[in-house]
Amino acid sequence: MRHRALVAAVMMTSLALTACTAVSPAASPSASDPAAGAPAVPSPTASETVTTAVLVVSTTGVAVQSGSAVEEIAYSDGAALVAAVTAASGIDPVVTEEDVPAPYEGTVTTYDWGDGAVVMVGDGPGVSISVRRETLAGLPVSTPSGIAVGSDRADVLAAGGLAISDEDQDGTPEQLSVDPLDAAGTESLTSPGTVGTTFVLVILDGDTVSGIQAPGNDFADV
């Protein structure tokens, strides 16, 4: 999916001063008024305004919004997602390929834009995304509900966050899911007997969001 930033244009207005009878001579600049007599600074035009793309990470894909254009890219098309992020940011990622650890087989190609964000593509067309900062390739990243790295736990809970993992068993989960969708034909590993779900995984350090990963699920042992 693709999301966009709005372009703002600054308009200038001129004021005309008229007199009913005589025209008074122009006043000389005052020493107490440093702005008097200063040359006018032109306002930026629409063509000079810089548009920054915005990435919205959802359960089904990524939306790249830039200007008036929105492109939605499903996780099933890893090549398109890598190309879209590269085009929107103007930054080429560092590409590495490594074998998947046993007992799994295959290779994973990682595209790293150097800001704690990577896109990983496996042997198939599918892709996953991991963000550890507010940006990916310099582009702001959030979920559809506005959750981003740096958000508070309260923001995640308000967006419907559900506990996924509480590794230290202190009653405060380090991983929460948002925007879940049922995955027909699967069974949840965290809630046996119920249908599995896919979601956006939100990782917390204390009460602060430190990472976002997608797509996550609770029916595959990874």
N, C-alpha and C. Protein backbone atom coordinates (compact mmCIF):
# COMPACT_ATOMS: atom_id res chain seq x y z
N MET A 1 0.84 -1.17 0.00
CA MET A 1 0.00 0.00 0.00
C MET A 1 0.87 1.22 0.00
N ARG A 2 0.41 2.24 -0.59
CA ARG A 2 1.20 3.45 -0.60
C ARG A 2 0.44 4.63 -0.06
N HIS A 3 1.18 5.41 0.74
CA HIS A 3 0.57 6.57 1.36
C HIS A 3 1.26 7.82 0.91
N ARG A 4 0.61 9.00 1.06
CA ARG A 4 1.18 10.22 0.54
C ARG A 4 1.15 11.38 1.49
N ALA A 5 2.08 12.29 1.32
CA ALA A 5 2.09 13.51 2.12
C ALA A 5 1.44 14.62 1.32
N LEU A 6 0.77 15.56 1.97
CA LEU A 6 0.07 16.63 1.28
C LEU A 6 1.04 17.75 0.94
N VAL A 7 0.86 18.34 -0.29
CA VAL A 7 1.71 19.45 -0.70
C VAL A 7 0.97 20.74 -0.43
N ALA A 8 1.61 21.66 0.29
CA ALA A 8 0.97 22.93 0.62
C ALA A 8 1.55 24.01 -0.26
N ALA A 9 0.72 24.90 -0.82
CA ALA A 9 1.18 26.02 -1.62
C ALA A 9 0.94 27.30 -0.86
N VAL A 10 1.94 28.19 -0.86
CA VAL A 10 1.82 29.45 -0.15
C VAL A 10 1.42 30.52 -1.14
N MET A 11 0.33 31.22 -0.86
CA MET A 11 -0.18 32.26 -1.76
C MET A 11 0.16 33.62 -1.19
N MET A 12 0.53 34.54 -2.05
CA MET A 12 0.88 35.90 -1.63
C MET A 12 -0.27 36.85 -1.96
N THR A 13 -0.51 37.79 -1.08
CA THR A 13 -1.57 38.78 -1.29
C THR A 13 -0.95 40.17 -1.27
N SER A 14 -1.29 41.03 -2.25
CA SER A 14 -0.76 42.39 -2.27
C SER A 14 -1.83 43.35 -1.80
N LEU A 15 -1.41 44.37 -1.07
CA LEU A 15 -2.32 45.37 -0.53
C LEU A 15 -2.07 46.69 -1.27
N ALA A 16 -3.16 47.31 -1.72
CA ALA A 16 -3.05 48.61 -2.39
C ALA A 16 -3.57 49.69 -1.47
N LEU A 17 -2.78 50.74 -1.25
CA LEU A 17 -3.18 51.85 -0.39
C LEU A 17 -3.63 53.01 -1.28
N THR A 18 -4.83 53.51 -1.05
CA THR A 18 -5.33 54.64 -1.85
C THR A 18 -5.72 55.77 -0.92
N ALA A 19 -5.64 56.97 -1.40
CA ALA A 19 -6.02 58.16 -0.63
C ALA A 19 -7.13 58.87 -1.37
N CYS A 20 -8.01 59.52 -0.63
CA CYS A 20 -9.15 60.19 -1.25
C CYS A 20 -8.71 61.48 -1.95
N THR A 21 -7.67 62.16 -1.43
CA THR A 21 -7.26 63.44 -2.01
C THR A 21 -5.80 63.37 -2.44
N ALA A 22 -4.90 63.87 -1.61
CA ALA A 22 -3.49 63.93 -1.99
C ALA A 22 -2.78 62.67 -1.53
N VAL A 23 -1.70 62.35 -2.25
CA VAL A 23 -0.87 61.21 -1.89
C VAL A 23 0.26 61.68 -1.03
N SER A 24 0.38 61.11 0.19
CA SER A 24 1.44 61.51 1.11
C SER A 24 2.77 60.96 0.63
N PRO A 25 3.85 61.72 0.83
CA PRO A 25 5.17 61.20 0.44
C PRO A 25 5.52 59.98 1.27
N ALA A 26 6.30 59.08 0.66
CA ALA A 26 6.69 57.85 1.36
C ALA A 26 7.57 58.19 2.54
N ALA A 27 7.32 57.50 3.67
CA ALA A 27 8.10 57.73 4.87
C ALA A 27 9.45 57.06 4.74
N SER A 28 10.49 57.69 5.29
CA SER A 28 11.83 57.12 5.28
C SER A 28 11.91 56.02 6.31
N PRO A 29 12.74 55.01 6.07
CA PRO A 29 12.89 53.93 7.05
C PRO A 29 13.37 54.47 8.39
N SER A 30 12.83 53.95 9.45
CA SER A 30 13.20 54.38 10.79
C SER A 30 14.33 53.52 11.31
N ALA A 31 15.26 54.11 12.03
CA ALA A 31 16.37 53.36 12.59
C ALA A 31 15.89 52.34 13.60
N SER A 32 14.70 52.61 14.19
CA SER A 32 14.18 51.70 15.20
C SER A 32 13.44 50.52 14.58
N ASP A 33 13.26 50.54 13.27
CA ASP A 33 12.55 49.48 12.57
C ASP A 33 13.52 48.78 11.63
N PRO A 34 14.22 47.70 12.07
CA PRO A 34 15.23 47.05 11.25
C PRO A 34 14.67 46.39 10.01
N ALA A 35 13.36 46.10 9.99
CA ALA A 35 12.78 45.44 8.83
C ALA A 35 12.44 46.43 7.72
N ALA A 36 12.38 47.73 8.06
CA ALA A 36 11.97 48.72 7.07
C ALA A 36 13.01 48.79 5.96
N GLY A 37 12.53 48.82 4.74
CA GLY A 37 13.41 48.94 3.60
C GLY A 37 14.09 47.64 3.21
N ALA A 38 13.86 46.57 3.95
CA ALA A 38 14.48 45.28 3.63
C ALA A 38 13.83 44.69 2.39
N PRO A 39 14.62 44.04 1.54
CA PRO A 39 14.03 43.44 0.33
C PRO A 39 13.06 42.32 0.69
N ALA A 40 12.02 42.18 -0.12
CA ALA A 40 11.02 41.14 0.13
C ALA A 40 11.61 39.76 -0.15
N VAL A 41 11.26 38.80 0.70
CA VAL A 41 11.72 37.42 0.51
C VAL A 41 10.61 36.65 -0.21
N PRO A 42 10.89 36.13 -1.39
CA PRO A 42 9.84 35.42 -2.13
C PRO A 42 9.38 34.18 -1.39
N SER A 43 8.06 33.93 -1.44
CA SER A 43 7.50 32.73 -0.82
C SER A 43 7.73 31.53 -1.73
N PRO A 44 7.86 30.32 -1.14
CA PRO A 44 8.05 29.13 -1.97
C PRO A 44 6.82 28.84 -2.81
N THR A 45 7.03 28.33 -3.99
CA THR A 45 5.93 27.95 -4.87
C THR A 45 5.66 26.47 -4.69
N ALA A 46 4.55 26.02 -5.26
CA ALA A 46 4.17 24.61 -5.13
C ALA A 46 5.25 23.70 -5.71
N SER A 47 5.89 24.15 -6.81
CA SER A 47 6.90 23.32 -7.45
C SER A 47 8.16 23.19 -6.61
N GLU A 48 8.35 24.13 -5.63
CA GLU A 48 9.53 24.10 -4.79
C GLU A 48 9.29 23.33 -3.50
N THR A 49 8.04 22.95 -3.25
CA THR A 49 7.71 22.24 -2.01
C THR A 49 8.16 20.79 -2.10
N VAL A 50 8.87 20.32 -1.09
CA VAL A 50 9.36 18.95 -1.06
C VAL A 50 8.29 18.03 -0.47
N THR A 51 7.98 16.98 -1.19
CA THR A 51 6.99 16.01 -0.74
C THR A 51 7.69 14.77 -0.20
N THR A 52 7.38 14.40 1.04
CA THR A 52 7.97 13.21 1.65
C THR A 52 6.94 12.10 1.68
N ALA A 53 7.32 10.96 1.15
CA ALA A 53 6.40 9.82 1.15
C ALA A 53 6.24 9.29 2.57
N VAL A 54 5.11 8.67 2.83
CA VAL A 54 4.80 8.08 4.12
C VAL A 54 4.44 6.62 3.90
N LEU A 55 4.95 5.73 4.76
CA LEU A 55 4.66 4.31 4.66
C LEU A 55 3.69 3.91 5.76
N VAL A 56 2.63 3.22 5.40
CA VAL A 56 1.66 2.71 6.37
C VAL A 56 1.70 1.19 6.31
N VAL A 57 2.13 0.57 7.41
CA VAL A 57 2.30 -0.88 7.49
C VAL A 57 1.04 -1.48 8.08
N SER A 58 0.36 -2.31 7.30
CA SER A 58 -0.88 -2.94 7.76
C SER A 58 -0.72 -4.46 7.79
N THR A 59 -1.80 -5.14 8.10
CA THR A 59 -1.77 -6.60 8.18
C THR A 59 -1.61 -7.24 6.80
N THR A 60 -2.12 -6.58 5.77
CA THR A 60 -2.11 -7.17 4.43
C THR A 60 -1.03 -6.65 3.51
N GLY A 61 -0.42 -5.52 3.85
CA GLY A 61 0.60 -4.96 2.97
C GLY A 61 1.04 -3.59 3.43
N VAL A 62 1.72 -2.89 2.54
CA VAL A 62 2.27 -1.55 2.84
C VAL A 62 1.69 -0.56 1.84
N ALA A 63 1.27 0.59 2.35
CA ALA A 63 0.79 1.67 1.49
C ALA A 63 1.85 2.75 1.45
N VAL A 64 2.22 3.19 0.27
CA VAL A 64 3.17 4.27 0.08
C VAL A 64 2.40 5.46 -0.46
N GLN A 65 2.35 6.53 0.34
CA GLN A 65 1.61 7.72 -0.04
C GLN A 65 2.59 8.85 -0.31
N SER A 66 2.52 9.40 -1.51
CA SER A 66 3.41 10.50 -1.90
C SER A 66 2.63 11.48 -2.76
N GLY A 67 2.51 12.71 -2.28
CA GLY A 67 1.73 13.69 -3.02
C GLY A 67 0.30 13.23 -3.12
N SER A 68 -0.23 13.19 -4.32
CA SER A 68 -1.61 12.78 -4.53
C SER A 68 -1.72 11.31 -4.93
N ALA A 69 -0.59 10.60 -4.91
CA ALA A 69 -0.59 9.21 -5.35
C ALA A 69 -0.50 8.26 -4.16
N VAL A 70 -1.26 7.18 -4.23
CA VAL A 70 -1.21 6.13 -3.20
C VAL A 70 -1.02 4.80 -3.92
N GLU A 71 0.00 4.07 -3.51
CA GLU A 71 0.23 2.73 -4.07
C GLU A 71 0.17 1.72 -2.94
N GLU A 72 -0.65 0.70 -3.11
CA GLU A 72 -0.81 -0.34 -2.12
C GLU A 72 -0.12 -1.60 -2.61
N ILE A 73 0.78 -2.13 -1.78
CA ILE A 73 1.58 -3.28 -2.18
C ILE A 73 1.35 -4.41 -1.18
N ALA A 74 0.92 -5.56 -1.67
CA ALA A 74 0.67 -6.71 -0.81
C ALA A 74 1.98 -7.38 -0.44
N TYR A 75 1.98 -8.06 0.71
CA TYR A 75 3.18 -8.77 1.14
C TYR A 75 3.53 -9.93 0.21
N SER A 76 2.63 -10.29 -0.64
CA SER A 76 2.89 -11.37 -1.59
C SER A 76 3.81 -10.94 -2.72
N ASP A 77 4.09 -9.62 -2.82
CA ASP A 77 4.94 -9.11 -3.91
C ASP A 77 6.14 -8.38 -3.31
N GLY A 78 7.11 -9.16 -2.87
CA GLY A 78 8.28 -8.57 -2.22
C GLY A 78 9.08 -7.67 -3.14
N ALA A 79 9.25 -8.06 -4.40
CA ALA A 79 10.03 -7.26 -5.34
C ALA A 79 9.41 -5.88 -5.53
N ALA A 80 8.09 -5.82 -5.60
CA ALA A 80 7.41 -4.54 -5.78
C ALA A 80 7.59 -3.65 -4.57
N LEU A 81 7.57 -4.23 -3.36
CA LEU A 81 7.72 -3.44 -2.15
C LEU A 81 9.12 -2.85 -2.07
N VAL A 82 10.13 -3.66 -2.35
CA VAL A 82 11.50 -3.17 -2.34
C VAL A 82 11.67 -2.05 -3.36
N ALA A 83 11.13 -2.23 -4.56
CA ALA A 83 11.25 -1.22 -5.61
C ALA A 83 10.54 0.07 -5.23
N ALA A 84 9.38 -0.06 -4.59
CA ALA A 84 8.61 1.13 -4.22
C ALA A 84 9.31 1.95 -3.14
N VAL A 85 9.85 1.27 -2.13
CA VAL A 85 10.56 1.98 -1.06
C VAL A 85 11.82 2.65 -1.61
N THR A 86 12.52 1.95 -2.48
CA THR A 86 13.73 2.51 -3.08
C THR A 86 13.40 3.73 -3.92
N ALA A 87 12.33 3.66 -4.71
CA ALA A 87 11.95 4.78 -5.56
C ALA A 87 11.48 5.98 -4.74
N ALA A 88 10.69 5.73 -3.69
CA ALA A 88 10.15 6.82 -2.88
C ALA A 88 11.23 7.52 -2.07
N SER A 89 12.25 6.77 -1.63
CA SER A 89 13.30 7.34 -0.78
C SER A 89 14.49 7.84 -1.57
N GLY A 90 14.71 7.27 -2.75
CA GLY A 90 15.90 7.61 -3.51
C GLY A 90 17.15 6.97 -2.94
N ILE A 91 16.99 5.98 -2.07
CA ILE A 91 18.12 5.32 -1.41
C ILE A 91 18.14 3.85 -1.82
N ASP A 92 19.30 3.39 -2.26
CA ASP A 92 19.45 1.97 -2.59
C ASP A 92 19.80 1.18 -1.33
N PRO A 93 19.13 0.06 -1.09
CA PRO A 93 19.43 -0.72 0.11
C PRO A 93 20.69 -1.56 -0.06
N VAL A 94 21.26 -1.97 1.08
CA VAL A 94 22.34 -2.96 1.07
C VAL A 94 21.67 -4.33 1.04
N VAL A 95 22.06 -5.16 0.11
CA VAL A 95 21.41 -6.45 -0.09
C VAL A 95 22.32 -7.58 0.38
N THR A 96 21.80 -8.43 1.22
CA THR A 96 22.55 -9.61 1.67
C THR A 96 21.66 -10.84 1.53
N GLU A 97 22.30 -11.99 1.33
CA GLU A 97 21.56 -13.24 1.20
C GLU A 97 22.17 -14.27 2.12
N GLU A 98 21.34 -14.98 2.85
CA GLU A 98 21.85 -15.99 3.76
C GLU A 98 20.91 -17.19 3.82
N ASP A 99 21.48 -18.31 4.21
CA ASP A 99 20.68 -19.53 4.34
C ASP A 99 19.82 -19.48 5.59
N VAL A 100 18.64 -20.07 5.50
CA VAL A 100 17.74 -20.16 6.65
C VAL A 100 18.28 -21.22 7.60
N PRO A 101 18.38 -20.92 8.92
CA PRO A 101 18.90 -21.91 9.87
C PRO A 101 18.05 -23.17 9.89
N ALA A 102 18.71 -24.30 10.18
CA ALA A 102 17.99 -25.58 10.34
C ALA A 102 17.01 -25.46 11.50
N PRO A 103 15.88 -26.17 11.46
CA PRO A 103 15.54 -27.25 10.53
C PRO A 103 14.88 -26.78 9.25
N TYR A 104 14.82 -25.47 9.06
CA TYR A 104 14.19 -24.95 7.85
C TYR A 104 15.19 -24.96 6.70
N GLU A 105 14.69 -24.80 5.48
CA GLU A 105 15.54 -24.81 4.31
C GLU A 105 15.26 -23.57 3.46
N GLY A 106 16.22 -23.23 2.60
CA GLY A 106 16.05 -22.10 1.71
C GLY A 106 16.96 -20.95 2.06
N THR A 107 16.74 -19.83 1.40
CA THR A 107 17.53 -18.63 1.64
C THR A 107 16.61 -17.44 1.86
N VAL A 108 17.15 -16.43 2.53
CA VAL A 108 16.42 -15.19 2.75
C VAL A 108 17.29 -14.03 2.27
N THR A 109 16.72 -13.16 1.46
CA THR A 109 17.41 -11.96 1.00
C THR A 109 16.93 -10.78 1.83
N THR A 110 17.88 -10.06 2.43
CA THR A 110 17.55 -8.92 3.28
C THR A 110 17.94 -7.62 2.60
N TYR A 111 17.02 -6.67 2.58
CA TYR A 111 17.25 -5.34 2.02
C TYR A 111 17.29 -4.35 3.18
N ASP A 112 18.44 -3.76 3.41
CA ASP A 112 18.67 -2.92 4.58
C ASP A 112 18.98 -1.49 4.14
N TRP A 113 18.13 -0.54 4.60
CA TRP A 113 18.32 0.87 4.24
C TRP A 113 19.14 1.62 5.30
N GLY A 114 19.68 0.90 6.28
CA GLY A 114 20.62 1.50 7.21
C GLY A 114 20.03 2.27 8.36
N ASP A 115 18.72 2.20 8.59
CA ASP A 115 18.13 2.94 9.70
C ASP A 115 17.32 2.00 10.60
N GLY A 116 17.81 0.77 10.71
CA GLY A 116 17.14 -0.17 11.59
C GLY A 116 15.89 -0.77 10.98
N ALA A 117 15.73 -0.63 9.68
CA ALA A 117 14.54 -1.15 9.00
C ALA A 117 14.97 -2.06 7.86
N VAL A 118 14.37 -3.22 7.77
CA VAL A 118 14.72 -4.15 6.71
C VAL A 118 13.48 -4.76 6.10
N VAL A 119 13.61 -5.18 4.86
CA VAL A 119 12.58 -5.97 4.19
C VAL A 119 13.23 -7.30 3.85
N MET A 120 12.60 -8.38 4.26
CA MET A 120 13.16 -9.72 4.04
C MET A 120 12.30 -10.50 3.06
N VAL A 121 12.93 -11.02 2.03
CA VAL A 121 12.24 -11.78 1.00
C VAL A 121 12.78 -13.20 0.99
N GLY A 122 11.90 -14.19 1.10
CA GLY A 122 12.31 -15.59 1.09
C GLY A 122 12.39 -16.15 -0.30
N ASP A 123 12.42 -17.48 -0.41
CA ASP A 123 12.52 -18.13 -1.71
C ASP A 123 11.28 -17.87 -2.56
N GLY A 124 10.13 -17.71 -1.90
CA GLY A 124 8.91 -17.43 -2.64
C GLY A 124 8.73 -15.93 -2.84
N PRO A 125 7.57 -15.52 -3.31
CA PRO A 125 7.32 -14.10 -3.56
C PRO A 125 7.00 -13.30 -2.30
N GLY A 126 6.72 -13.99 -1.18
CA GLY A 126 6.30 -13.31 0.03
C GLY A 126 7.41 -12.48 0.67
N VAL A 127 7.01 -11.56 1.53
CA VAL A 127 7.95 -10.63 2.13
C VAL A 127 7.51 -10.30 3.54
N SER A 128 8.45 -9.93 4.40
CA SER A 128 8.12 -9.40 5.72
C SER A 128 8.90 -8.11 5.92
N ILE A 129 8.42 -7.27 6.81
CA ILE A 129 9.05 -5.98 7.04
C ILE A 129 9.29 -5.80 8.54
N SER A 130 10.44 -5.24 8.88
CA SER A 130 10.79 -5.01 10.28
C SER A 130 11.33 -3.60 10.41
N VAL A 131 10.75 -2.83 11.33
CA VAL A 131 11.14 -1.43 11.53
C VAL A 131 11.53 -1.23 12.98
N ARG A 132 12.71 -0.68 13.22
CA ARG A 132 13.19 -0.45 14.58
C ARG A 132 13.38 1.03 14.89
N ARG A 133 13.05 1.88 13.94
CA ARG A 133 13.09 3.32 14.16
C ARG A 133 11.83 3.94 13.58
N GLU A 134 11.73 5.26 13.70
CA GLU A 134 10.53 5.94 13.21
C GLU A 134 10.44 5.93 11.69
N THR A 135 11.53 5.55 11.02
CA THR A 135 11.55 5.63 9.57
C THR A 135 12.07 4.34 8.95
N LEU A 136 11.75 4.17 7.69
CA LEU A 136 12.32 3.13 6.84
C LEU A 136 12.85 3.84 5.62
N ALA A 137 14.15 3.76 5.38
CA ALA A 137 14.78 4.48 4.28
C ALA A 137 14.50 5.98 4.37
N GLY A 138 14.40 6.50 5.59
CA GLY A 138 14.14 7.91 5.78
C GLY A 138 12.68 8.31 5.66
N LEU A 139 11.79 7.35 5.41
CA LEU A 139 10.37 7.64 5.24
C LEU A 139 9.61 7.30 6.52
N PRO A 140 8.77 8.20 7.03
CA PRO A 140 8.00 7.92 8.25
C PRO A 140 7.16 6.66 8.10
N VAL A 141 7.10 5.86 9.18
CA VAL A 141 6.36 4.60 9.16
C VAL A 141 5.40 4.54 10.33
N SER A 142 4.17 4.09 10.07
CA SER A 142 3.19 3.88 11.13
C SER A 142 2.21 2.79 10.69
N THR A 143 1.39 2.34 11.63
CA THR A 143 0.30 1.43 11.29
C THR A 143 -0.91 2.27 10.89
N PRO A 144 -1.97 1.66 10.36
CA PRO A 144 -3.16 2.43 10.01
C PRO A 144 -3.76 3.18 11.20
N SER A 145 -3.56 2.67 12.41
CA SER A 145 -4.09 3.35 13.60
C SER A 145 -3.11 4.35 14.19
N GLY A 146 -2.00 4.58 13.50
CA GLY A 146 -1.06 5.62 13.92
C GLY A 146 0.03 5.16 14.87
N ILE A 147 0.15 3.85 15.12
CA ILE A 147 1.19 3.34 16.00
C ILE A 147 2.53 3.40 15.26
N ALA A 148 3.54 3.95 15.94
CA ALA A 148 4.87 4.06 15.35
C ALA A 148 5.91 3.80 16.43
N VAL A 149 7.15 3.59 16.02
CA VAL A 149 8.22 3.47 17.00
C VAL A 149 8.26 4.76 17.81
N GLY A 150 8.24 4.62 19.13
CA GLY A 150 8.17 5.78 20.00
C GLY A 150 6.81 5.99 20.62
N SER A 151 5.77 5.31 20.09
CA SER A 151 4.43 5.41 20.68
C SER A 151 4.41 4.77 22.06
N ASP A 152 3.42 5.14 22.87
CA ASP A 152 3.27 4.58 24.22
C ASP A 152 2.46 3.29 24.19
N ARG A 153 2.64 2.47 25.23
CA ARG A 153 1.84 1.25 25.38
C ARG A 153 0.35 1.60 25.39
N ALA A 154 0.01 2.71 26.03
CA ALA A 154 -1.39 3.13 26.09
C ALA A 154 -1.96 3.35 24.69
N ASP A 155 -1.13 3.86 23.75
CA ASP A 155 -1.59 4.07 22.38
C ASP A 155 -1.90 2.73 21.71
N VAL A 156 -1.06 1.74 21.97
CA VAL A 156 -1.25 0.42 21.37
C VAL A 156 -2.52 -0.23 21.93
N LEU A 157 -2.71 -0.14 23.23
CA LEU A 157 -3.91 -0.72 23.84
C LEU A 157 -5.17 -0.02 23.34
N ALA A 158 -5.08 1.30 23.16
CA ALA A 158 -6.23 2.05 22.65
C ALA A 158 -6.56 1.64 21.22
N ALA A 159 -5.54 1.15 20.49
CA ALA A 159 -5.75 0.70 19.11
C ALA A 159 -6.18 -0.76 19.06
N GLY A 160 -6.49 -1.35 20.24
CA GLY A 160 -6.96 -2.73 20.29
C GLY A 160 -5.85 -3.75 20.45
N GLY A 161 -4.69 -3.33 20.93
CA GLY A 161 -3.56 -4.25 21.08
C GLY A 161 -3.87 -5.44 21.96
N LEU A 162 -3.48 -6.64 21.49
CA LEU A 162 -3.70 -7.89 22.23
C LEU A 162 -2.35 -8.52 22.56
N ALA A 163 -2.25 -9.11 23.75
CA ALA A 163 -1.00 -9.71 24.20
C ALA A 163 -0.62 -10.89 23.32
N ILE A 164 0.66 -10.94 22.91
CA ILE A 164 1.19 -12.04 22.13
C ILE A 164 2.28 -12.77 22.91
N SER A 165 3.15 -12.02 23.58
CA SER A 165 4.27 -12.64 24.29
C SER A 165 4.61 -11.85 25.55
N ASP A 166 4.79 -12.61 26.66
CA ASP A 166 5.23 -12.04 27.94
C ASP A 166 6.37 -12.92 28.44
N GLU A 167 7.55 -12.73 27.84
CA GLU A 167 8.66 -13.64 28.07
C GLU A 167 9.12 -13.70 29.53
N ASP A 168 9.09 -12.57 30.22
CA ASP A 168 9.55 -12.58 31.61
C ASP A 168 8.43 -12.86 32.61
N GLN A 169 7.22 -13.11 32.07
CA GLN A 169 6.08 -13.51 32.91
C GLN A 169 5.81 -12.51 34.04
N ASP A 170 5.94 -11.21 33.73
CA ASP A 170 5.67 -10.20 34.76
C ASP A 170 4.28 -9.60 34.61
N GLY A 171 3.50 -10.14 33.69
CA GLY A 171 2.14 -9.63 33.49
C GLY A 171 2.07 -8.46 32.54
N THR A 172 3.22 -8.01 32.01
CA THR A 172 3.24 -6.90 31.06
C THR A 172 3.88 -7.40 29.77
N PRO A 173 3.08 -7.76 28.78
CA PRO A 173 3.62 -8.36 27.55
C PRO A 173 4.55 -7.42 26.79
N GLU A 174 5.61 -8.02 26.24
CA GLU A 174 6.56 -7.24 25.43
C GLU A 174 6.14 -7.17 23.98
N GLN A 175 5.21 -8.01 23.58
CA GLN A 175 4.73 -8.02 22.20
C GLN A 175 3.20 -8.00 22.19
N LEU A 176 2.67 -7.11 21.37
CA LEU A 176 1.23 -6.99 21.22
C LEU A 176 0.89 -7.04 19.72
N SER A 177 -0.32 -7.46 19.42
CA SER A 177 -0.77 -7.46 18.03
C SER A 177 -1.84 -6.40 17.84
N VAL A 178 -1.85 -5.80 16.64
CA VAL A 178 -2.91 -4.85 16.28
C VAL A 178 -3.43 -5.20 14.89
N ASP A 179 -4.63 -4.77 14.61
CA ASP A 179 -5.27 -4.97 13.30
C ASP A 179 -5.32 -6.44 12.88
N PRO A 180 -5.81 -7.36 13.76
CA PRO A 180 -5.83 -8.78 13.42
C PRO A 180 -6.89 -9.12 12.37
N LEU A 181 -6.57 -10.13 11.56
CA LEU A 181 -7.51 -10.67 10.58
C LEU A 181 -7.52 -12.19 10.71
N ASP A 182 -8.72 -12.79 10.70
CA ASP A 182 -8.81 -14.24 10.77
C ASP A 182 -8.17 -14.89 9.55
N ALA A 183 -7.46 -16.00 9.80
CA ALA A 183 -6.85 -16.77 8.72
C ALA A 183 -7.59 -18.10 8.63
N ALA A 184 -8.52 -18.17 7.72
CA ALA A 184 -9.37 -19.36 7.59
C ALA A 184 -8.53 -20.62 7.39
N GLY A 185 -8.96 -21.71 8.06
CA GLY A 185 -8.28 -22.98 7.90
C GLY A 185 -7.08 -23.15 8.79
N THR A 186 -6.88 -22.24 9.76
CA THR A 186 -5.76 -22.35 10.68
C THR A 186 -6.27 -22.41 12.11
N GLU A 187 -5.39 -22.81 13.03
CA GLU A 187 -5.73 -22.82 14.44
C GLU A 187 -4.67 -22.04 15.21
N SER A 188 -5.12 -21.18 16.10
CA SER A 188 -4.21 -20.34 16.86
C SER A 188 -3.35 -21.17 17.81
N LEU A 189 -2.05 -20.83 17.88
CA LEU A 189 -1.16 -21.48 18.83
C LEU A 189 -1.26 -20.84 20.20
N THR A 190 -1.68 -19.59 20.26
CA THR A 190 -1.80 -18.90 21.55
C THR A 190 -3.17 -19.09 22.18
N SER A 191 -4.18 -19.37 21.34
CA SER A 191 -5.53 -19.64 21.84
C SER A 191 -6.07 -20.89 21.17
N PRO A 192 -5.58 -22.08 21.60
CA PRO A 192 -5.99 -23.33 20.95
C PRO A 192 -7.51 -23.47 20.88
N GLY A 193 -7.96 -23.98 19.75
CA GLY A 193 -9.39 -24.16 19.55
C GLY A 193 -10.04 -23.01 18.82
N THR A 194 -9.29 -21.92 18.61
CA THR A 194 -9.83 -20.77 17.88
C THR A 194 -9.07 -20.61 16.58
N VAL A 195 -9.67 -19.91 15.62
CA VAL A 195 -9.03 -19.70 14.33
C VAL A 195 -7.80 -18.81 14.51
N GLY A 196 -6.75 -19.10 13.75
CA GLY A 196 -5.55 -18.29 13.81
C GLY A 196 -5.75 -16.93 13.17
N THR A 197 -4.85 -16.01 13.46
CA THR A 197 -4.96 -14.66 12.91
C THR A 197 -3.62 -14.19 12.37
N THR A 198 -3.69 -13.26 11.42
CA THR A 198 -2.52 -12.50 10.99
C THR A 198 -2.68 -11.10 11.55
N PHE A 199 -1.57 -10.39 11.73
CA PHE A 199 -1.64 -9.08 12.38
C PHE A 199 -0.35 -8.30 12.18
N VAL A 200 -0.33 -7.07 12.67
CA VAL A 200 0.90 -6.30 12.78
C VAL A 200 1.43 -6.51 14.19
N LEU A 201 2.67 -6.93 14.30
CA LEU A 201 3.29 -7.18 15.60
C LEU A 201 3.97 -5.92 16.11
N VAL A 202 3.63 -5.53 17.33
CA VAL A 202 4.22 -4.35 17.95
C VAL A 202 5.10 -4.80 19.11
N ILE A 203 6.37 -4.41 19.08
CA ILE A 203 7.34 -4.80 20.10
C ILE A 203 7.59 -3.61 21.02
N LEU A 204 7.58 -3.87 22.33
CA LEU A 204 7.75 -2.79 23.30
C LEU A 204 8.98 -3.01 24.16
N ASP A 205 9.61 -1.90 24.51
CA ASP A 205 10.69 -1.89 25.49
C ASP A 205 10.16 -1.09 26.67
N GLY A 206 9.75 -1.79 27.73
CA GLY A 206 9.03 -1.11 28.80
C GLY A 206 7.66 -0.73 28.30
N ASP A 207 7.34 0.55 28.34
CA ASP A 207 6.04 1.03 27.85
C ASP A 207 6.17 1.83 26.56
N THR A 208 7.29 1.67 25.85
CA THR A 208 7.51 2.40 24.62
C THR A 208 7.69 1.44 23.45
N VAL A 209 7.03 1.73 22.35
CA VAL A 209 7.16 0.90 21.15
C VAL A 209 8.58 1.03 20.60
N SER A 210 9.25 -0.13 20.45
CA SER A 210 10.62 -0.13 19.94
C SER A 210 10.73 -0.79 18.57
N GLY A 211 9.64 -1.40 18.09
CA GLY A 211 9.69 -2.04 16.79
C GLY A 211 8.33 -2.42 16.27
N ILE A 212 8.22 -2.53 14.95
CA ILE A 212 7.00 -2.96 14.28
C ILE A 212 7.40 -4.00 13.24
N GLN A 213 6.70 -5.11 13.23
CA GLN A 213 6.95 -6.16 12.24
C GLN A 213 5.63 -6.60 11.61
N ALA A 214 5.70 -6.96 10.34
CA ALA A 214 4.50 -7.45 9.66
C ALA A 214 4.91 -8.25 8.43
N PRO A 215 4.09 -9.21 8.02
CA PRO A 215 2.89 -9.65 8.74
C PRO A 215 3.27 -10.66 9.82
N GLY A 216 2.60 -10.57 10.96
CA GLY A 216 2.77 -11.56 12.02
C GLY A 216 1.60 -12.52 12.02
N ASN A 217 1.76 -13.64 12.70
CA ASN A 217 0.64 -14.58 12.84
C ASN A 217 0.83 -15.41 14.08
N ASP A 218 -0.26 -16.02 14.54
CA ASP A 218 -0.19 -16.86 15.75
C ASP A 218 -0.46 -18.32 15.44
N PHE A 219 -0.28 -18.71 14.17
CA PHE A 219 -0.56 -20.10 13.81
C PHE A 219 0.62 -20.79 13.16
N ALA A 220 1.77 -20.14 13.09
CA ALA A 220 2.97 -20.76 12.52
C ALA A 220 4.10 -20.66 13.51
N ASP A 221 4.74 -21.76 13.82
CA ASP A 221 5.84 -21.78 14.77
C ASP A 221 7.11 -21.36 14.06
N VAL A 222 7.51 -20.09 14.25
CA VAL A 222 8.71 -19.59 13.58
C VAL A 222 9.85 -19.48 14.57
